[in-house]
Amino acid sequence: MVPLLIDENFNHRILRGLRLRLPELHYQLVQEVEVFQKEDPEVLDWATTHNCVVITYDVNTMPRYAYVRLEAGQPLSGVVIVPKELAIGSAIDELVILLTCCSLEEFSNRVIYLPL
């Protein structure tokens, strides 16, 4: 299972739904690691260093910093953008498909927007 870093702004009802559907889900919350309340570039750096894909609601700044990182030739373990407008059930379904069908390498250096 692809290891995840759940951004601090992410809806935990979606996370609970993911845990119910994917008991083997491996994740960490930003609030539980040293980049809590840090800027997005630091969160992306931590996630890449720890081989975690970032899951976030942040459609404004996170993708911008991810693309800046890629343009600079720096690696990115991957970012999945879940818009707040996406229904919780749909977000869970989309993430289950993505997480069960893709390897960590397939997220590498990509920003993925849901719905697929």
N, C-alpha and C. Protein backbone atom coordinates (compact mmCIF):
# COMPACT_ATOMS: atom_id res chain seq x y z
N MET A 1 0.85 -1.18 0.00
CA MET A 1 0.00 0.00 0.00
C MET A 1 0.89 1.25 0.00
N VAL A 2 0.48 2.24 -0.75
CA VAL A 2 1.22 3.49 -0.86
C VAL A 2 1.15 4.25 0.47
N PRO A 3 2.31 4.61 1.04
CA PRO A 3 2.29 5.39 2.28
C PRO A 3 1.83 6.82 2.01
N LEU A 4 1.01 7.35 2.91
CA LEU A 4 0.42 8.67 2.74
C LEU A 4 0.82 9.62 3.85
N LEU A 5 0.87 10.90 3.49
CA LEU A 5 0.96 11.98 4.47
C LEU A 5 -0.31 12.79 4.30
N ILE A 6 -1.16 12.78 5.32
CA ILE A 6 -2.44 13.47 5.27
C ILE A 6 -2.24 14.91 5.75
N ASP A 7 -2.49 15.85 4.85
CA ASP A 7 -2.30 17.27 5.16
C ASP A 7 -3.23 17.70 6.28
N GLU A 8 -2.83 18.74 6.98
CA GLU A 8 -3.57 19.16 8.17
C GLU A 8 -4.96 19.68 7.86
N ASN A 9 -5.24 20.09 6.64
CA ASN A 9 -6.55 20.62 6.31
C ASN A 9 -7.52 19.56 5.77
N PHE A 10 -7.09 18.30 5.73
CA PHE A 10 -7.87 17.25 5.09
C PHE A 10 -9.01 16.77 5.98
N ASN A 11 -10.14 16.42 5.36
CA ASN A 11 -11.34 15.97 6.05
C ASN A 11 -11.12 14.57 6.64
N HIS A 12 -11.21 14.46 7.93
CA HIS A 12 -10.95 13.19 8.59
C HIS A 12 -12.08 12.19 8.42
N ARG A 13 -13.25 12.65 7.97
CA ARG A 13 -14.31 11.70 7.64
C ARG A 13 -13.91 10.88 6.42
N ILE A 14 -13.22 11.51 5.48
CA ILE A 14 -12.71 10.77 4.32
C ILE A 14 -11.65 9.78 4.78
N LEU A 15 -10.77 10.21 5.67
CA LEU A 15 -9.74 9.32 6.19
C LEU A 15 -10.37 8.11 6.90
N ARG A 16 -11.40 8.34 7.71
CA ARG A 16 -12.08 7.23 8.39
C ARG A 16 -12.68 6.25 7.37
N GLY A 17 -13.28 6.78 6.33
CA GLY A 17 -13.84 5.94 5.28
C GLY A 17 -12.77 5.12 4.58
N LEU A 18 -11.62 5.75 4.34
CA LEU A 18 -10.50 5.02 3.72
C LEU A 18 -10.01 3.90 4.63
N ARG A 19 -9.91 4.18 5.92
CA ARG A 19 -9.43 3.16 6.86
C ARG A 19 -10.39 1.98 6.93
N LEU A 20 -11.70 2.25 6.81
CA LEU A 20 -12.68 1.16 6.82
C LEU A 20 -12.58 0.30 5.56
N ARG A 21 -12.35 0.96 4.44
CA ARG A 21 -12.28 0.24 3.16
C ARG A 21 -10.91 -0.39 2.91
N LEU A 22 -9.87 0.22 3.49
CA LEU A 22 -8.50 -0.26 3.29
C LEU A 22 -7.82 -0.43 4.65
N PRO A 23 -8.09 -1.53 5.34
CA PRO A 23 -7.51 -1.73 6.67
C PRO A 23 -5.98 -1.69 6.68
N GLU A 24 -5.36 -1.99 5.53
CA GLU A 24 -3.90 -1.98 5.45
C GLU A 24 -3.34 -0.59 5.15
N LEU A 25 -4.20 0.43 5.14
CA LEU A 25 -3.78 1.79 4.83
C LEU A 25 -2.65 2.23 5.75
N HIS A 26 -1.59 2.75 5.15
CA HIS A 26 -0.43 3.25 5.90
C HIS A 26 -0.38 4.76 5.71
N TYR A 27 -0.55 5.50 6.80
CA TYR A 27 -0.57 6.96 6.69
C TYR A 27 -0.01 7.60 7.95
N GLN A 28 0.36 8.85 7.78
CA GLN A 28 0.74 9.70 8.91
C GLN A 28 0.02 11.02 8.74
N LEU A 29 -0.34 11.62 9.83
CA LEU A 29 -0.95 12.95 9.80
C LEU A 29 0.15 14.00 9.92
N VAL A 30 0.01 15.08 9.17
CA VAL A 30 0.99 16.17 9.28
C VAL A 30 1.09 16.62 10.74
N GLN A 31 -0.01 16.60 11.46
CA GLN A 31 -0.02 17.03 12.86
C GLN A 31 0.87 16.17 13.75
N GLU A 32 1.23 14.98 13.28
CA GLU A 32 2.02 14.05 14.09
C GLU A 32 3.49 14.02 13.73
N VAL A 33 3.90 14.83 12.77
CA VAL A 33 5.30 14.84 12.35
C VAL A 33 5.86 16.24 12.48
N GLU A 34 7.16 16.35 12.29
CA GLU A 34 7.84 17.62 12.57
C GLU A 34 7.51 18.77 11.63
N VAL A 35 6.75 18.52 10.57
CA VAL A 35 6.40 19.61 9.65
C VAL A 35 5.02 20.20 9.93
N PHE A 36 4.44 19.84 11.07
CA PHE A 36 3.15 20.41 11.45
C PHE A 36 3.28 21.93 11.53
N GLN A 37 2.35 22.63 10.90
CA GLN A 37 2.30 24.09 10.84
C GLN A 37 3.48 24.71 10.11
N LYS A 38 4.13 23.92 9.27
CA LYS A 38 5.21 24.44 8.43
C LYS A 38 4.64 24.78 7.06
N GLU A 39 5.43 25.47 6.28
CA GLU A 39 5.02 25.86 4.93
C GLU A 39 4.99 24.64 4.01
N ASP A 40 4.22 24.76 2.94
CA ASP A 40 4.05 23.65 1.99
C ASP A 40 5.37 23.09 1.45
N PRO A 41 6.36 23.93 1.09
CA PRO A 41 7.61 23.34 0.59
C PRO A 41 8.26 22.39 1.59
N GLU A 42 8.17 22.71 2.88
CA GLU A 42 8.74 21.83 3.89
C GLU A 42 7.94 20.52 4.01
N VAL A 43 6.62 20.63 3.88
CA VAL A 43 5.77 19.43 3.92
C VAL A 43 6.10 18.52 2.74
N LEU A 44 6.24 19.11 1.55
CA LEU A 44 6.58 18.33 0.36
C LEU A 44 7.96 17.68 0.49
N ASP A 45 8.90 18.42 1.05
CA ASP A 45 10.24 17.88 1.25
C ASP A 45 10.20 16.69 2.22
N TRP A 46 9.48 16.84 3.32
CA TRP A 46 9.37 15.77 4.31
C TRP A 46 8.72 14.54 3.67
N ALA A 47 7.63 14.76 2.94
CA ALA A 47 6.92 13.64 2.32
C ALA A 47 7.81 12.91 1.34
N THR A 48 8.58 13.65 0.55
CA THR A 48 9.46 13.02 -0.42
C THR A 48 10.59 12.26 0.27
N THR A 49 11.16 12.85 1.30
CA THR A 49 12.22 12.18 2.06
C THR A 49 11.72 10.87 2.69
N HIS A 50 10.45 10.85 3.10
CA HIS A 50 9.88 9.68 3.76
C HIS A 50 9.03 8.82 2.82
N ASN A 51 9.12 9.09 1.51
CA ASN A 51 8.40 8.30 0.49
C ASN A 51 6.90 8.22 0.76
N CYS A 52 6.30 9.37 1.05
CA CYS A 52 4.86 9.45 1.27
C CYS A 52 4.21 10.33 0.21
N VAL A 53 3.04 9.95 -0.22
CA VAL A 53 2.23 10.76 -1.12
C VAL A 53 1.37 11.68 -0.26
N VAL A 54 1.37 12.96 -0.58
CA VAL A 54 0.59 13.94 0.17
C VAL A 54 -0.85 13.92 -0.34
N ILE A 55 -1.79 13.82 0.60
CA ILE A 55 -3.22 13.92 0.29
C ILE A 55 -3.70 15.22 0.92
N THR A 56 -4.30 16.11 0.10
CA THR A 56 -4.64 17.43 0.60
C THR A 56 -5.91 17.99 -0.04
N TYR A 57 -6.53 18.91 0.67
CA TYR A 57 -7.62 19.73 0.14
C TYR A 57 -7.08 21.01 -0.48
N ASP A 58 -5.84 21.31 -0.24
CA ASP A 58 -5.24 22.60 -0.61
C ASP A 58 -5.04 22.70 -2.12
N VAL A 59 -6.04 23.27 -2.79
CA VAL A 59 -5.96 23.43 -4.24
C VAL A 59 -5.21 24.71 -4.63
N ASN A 60 -4.94 25.57 -3.68
CA ASN A 60 -4.33 26.86 -4.00
C ASN A 60 -2.81 26.87 -3.97
N THR A 61 -2.23 26.45 -2.86
CA THR A 61 -0.77 26.59 -2.74
C THR A 61 0.00 25.29 -2.92
N MET A 62 -0.54 24.17 -2.48
CA MET A 62 0.21 22.91 -2.55
C MET A 62 0.60 22.55 -3.99
N PRO A 63 -0.34 22.63 -4.96
CA PRO A 63 0.08 22.30 -6.34
C PRO A 63 1.15 23.26 -6.87
N ARG A 64 1.01 24.52 -6.53
CA ARG A 64 1.99 25.51 -7.01
C ARG A 64 3.39 25.16 -6.51
N TYR A 65 3.51 24.84 -5.23
CA TYR A 65 4.83 24.48 -4.69
C TYR A 65 5.33 23.15 -5.24
N ALA A 66 4.40 22.23 -5.51
CA ALA A 66 4.80 20.95 -6.10
C ALA A 66 5.39 21.19 -7.49
N TYR A 67 4.74 22.04 -8.28
CA TYR A 67 5.25 22.32 -9.63
C TYR A 67 6.56 23.10 -9.59
N VAL A 68 6.71 24.01 -8.63
CA VAL A 68 7.99 24.73 -8.48
C VAL A 68 9.09 23.72 -8.19
N ARG A 69 8.80 22.77 -7.33
CA ARG A 69 9.77 21.73 -6.99
C ARG A 69 10.17 20.92 -8.23
N LEU A 70 9.19 20.53 -9.01
CA LEU A 70 9.46 19.75 -10.21
C LEU A 70 10.25 20.56 -11.24
N GLU A 71 9.88 21.83 -11.41
CA GLU A 71 10.60 22.69 -12.36
C GLU A 71 12.06 22.89 -11.95
N ALA A 72 12.32 22.81 -10.65
CA ALA A 72 13.69 22.95 -10.14
C ALA A 72 14.47 21.64 -10.24
N GLY A 73 13.83 20.60 -10.74
CA GLY A 73 14.50 19.31 -10.87
C GLY A 73 14.57 18.51 -9.59
N GLN A 74 13.78 18.91 -8.59
CA GLN A 74 13.75 18.18 -7.32
C GLN A 74 12.71 17.06 -7.40
N PRO A 75 12.96 15.95 -6.74
CA PRO A 75 11.99 14.86 -6.77
C PRO A 75 10.74 15.22 -5.96
N LEU A 76 9.67 14.55 -6.28
CA LEU A 76 8.39 14.72 -5.58
C LEU A 76 7.77 13.34 -5.47
N SER A 77 7.39 12.94 -4.26
CA SER A 77 6.82 11.61 -4.10
C SER A 77 5.38 11.55 -4.58
N GLY A 78 4.77 12.69 -4.82
CA GLY A 78 3.42 12.74 -5.35
C GLY A 78 2.48 13.52 -4.45
N VAL A 79 1.48 14.14 -5.09
CA VAL A 79 0.46 14.90 -4.38
C VAL A 79 -0.88 14.56 -5.01
N VAL A 80 -1.87 14.31 -4.16
CA VAL A 80 -3.24 14.09 -4.63
C VAL A 80 -4.10 15.21 -4.06
N ILE A 81 -4.72 15.96 -4.97
CA ILE A 81 -5.58 17.08 -4.60
C ILE A 81 -7.02 16.60 -4.62
N VAL A 82 -7.69 16.73 -3.47
CA VAL A 82 -9.09 16.36 -3.35
C VAL A 82 -9.87 17.65 -3.13
N PRO A 83 -10.67 18.08 -4.11
CA PRO A 83 -11.41 19.33 -3.91
C PRO A 83 -12.46 19.18 -2.82
N LYS A 84 -12.64 20.21 -2.02
CA LYS A 84 -13.62 20.17 -0.93
C LYS A 84 -15.04 19.94 -1.45
N GLU A 85 -15.28 20.33 -2.69
CA GLU A 85 -16.62 20.19 -3.27
C GLU A 85 -16.96 18.75 -3.62
N LEU A 86 -15.95 17.88 -3.70
CA LEU A 86 -16.19 16.48 -4.02
C LEU A 86 -16.87 15.81 -2.83
N ALA A 87 -17.98 15.14 -3.10
CA ALA A 87 -18.72 14.46 -2.02
C ALA A 87 -17.81 13.47 -1.31
N ILE A 88 -18.01 13.32 -0.01
CA ILE A 88 -17.16 12.45 0.81
C ILE A 88 -17.13 11.03 0.25
N GLY A 89 -18.28 10.47 -0.07
CA GLY A 89 -18.33 9.11 -0.61
C GLY A 89 -17.58 8.99 -1.92
N SER A 90 -17.70 10.00 -2.77
CA SER A 90 -16.98 9.99 -4.05
C SER A 90 -15.48 10.10 -3.82
N ALA A 91 -15.09 10.95 -2.88
CA ALA A 91 -13.66 11.10 -2.57
C ALA A 91 -13.08 9.77 -2.08
N ILE A 92 -13.81 9.09 -1.21
CA ILE A 92 -13.35 7.80 -0.69
C ILE A 92 -13.23 6.80 -1.84
N ASP A 93 -14.26 6.72 -2.67
CA ASP A 93 -14.23 5.78 -3.81
C ASP A 93 -13.04 6.06 -4.72
N GLU A 94 -12.83 7.33 -5.06
CA GLU A 94 -11.73 7.71 -5.96
C GLU A 94 -10.38 7.36 -5.35
N LEU A 95 -10.22 7.65 -4.06
CA LEU A 95 -8.95 7.37 -3.40
C LEU A 95 -8.70 5.87 -3.27
N VAL A 96 -9.74 5.10 -3.00
CA VAL A 96 -9.58 3.64 -2.91
C VAL A 96 -9.08 3.10 -4.24
N ILE A 97 -9.68 3.54 -5.32
CA ILE A 97 -9.24 3.08 -6.64
C ILE A 97 -7.78 3.46 -6.87
N LEU A 98 -7.47 4.71 -6.63
CA LEU A 98 -6.11 5.20 -6.86
C LEU A 98 -5.09 4.45 -6.02
N LEU A 99 -5.39 4.27 -4.74
CA LEU A 99 -4.42 3.66 -3.82
C LEU A 99 -4.27 2.15 -4.02
N THR A 100 -5.30 1.50 -4.52
CA THR A 100 -5.19 0.06 -4.73
C THR A 100 -4.64 -0.29 -6.11
N CYS A 101 -4.73 0.63 -7.03
CA CYS A 101 -4.31 0.34 -8.41
C CYS A 101 -2.93 0.90 -8.77
N CYS A 102 -2.39 1.79 -7.94
CA CYS A 102 -1.13 2.45 -8.29
C CYS A 102 -0.04 2.12 -7.27
N SER A 103 1.17 2.05 -7.77
CA SER A 103 2.32 1.87 -6.89
C SER A 103 2.90 3.25 -6.55
N LEU A 104 3.76 3.29 -5.58
CA LEU A 104 4.41 4.55 -5.20
C LEU A 104 5.11 5.18 -6.39
N GLU A 105 5.72 4.36 -7.21
CA GLU A 105 6.44 4.88 -8.38
C GLU A 105 5.51 5.59 -9.35
N GLU A 106 4.26 5.17 -9.41
CA GLU A 106 3.31 5.80 -10.33
C GLU A 106 2.84 7.17 -9.84
N PHE A 107 3.04 7.47 -8.57
CA PHE A 107 2.72 8.79 -8.02
C PHE A 107 3.91 9.74 -8.17
N SER A 108 5.08 9.18 -8.34
CA SER A 108 6.31 9.95 -8.34
C SER A 108 6.28 11.08 -9.36
N ASN A 109 6.63 12.28 -8.89
CA ASN A 109 6.73 13.48 -9.73
C ASN A 109 5.41 13.85 -10.40
N ARG A 110 4.31 13.57 -9.72
CA ARG A 110 2.99 13.89 -10.28
C ARG A 110 2.11 14.61 -9.26
N VAL A 111 1.25 15.47 -9.79
CA VAL A 111 0.18 16.07 -9.02
C VAL A 111 -1.10 15.55 -9.65
N ILE A 112 -1.90 14.87 -8.87
CA ILE A 112 -3.11 14.22 -9.37
C ILE A 112 -4.32 14.93 -8.75
N TYR A 113 -5.25 15.32 -9.60
CA TYR A 113 -6.47 15.97 -9.15
C TYR A 113 -7.63 14.98 -9.22
N LEU A 114 -8.40 14.92 -8.14
CA LEU A 114 -9.63 14.12 -8.14
C LEU A 114 -10.79 15.05 -8.49
N PRO A 115 -11.86 14.54 -9.12
CA PRO A 115 -12.03 13.16 -9.54
C PRO A 115 -11.15 12.83 -10.74
N LEU A 116 -10.86 11.55 -10.88
CA LEU A 116 -10.01 11.09 -11.99
C LEU A 116 -10.71 11.25 -13.33
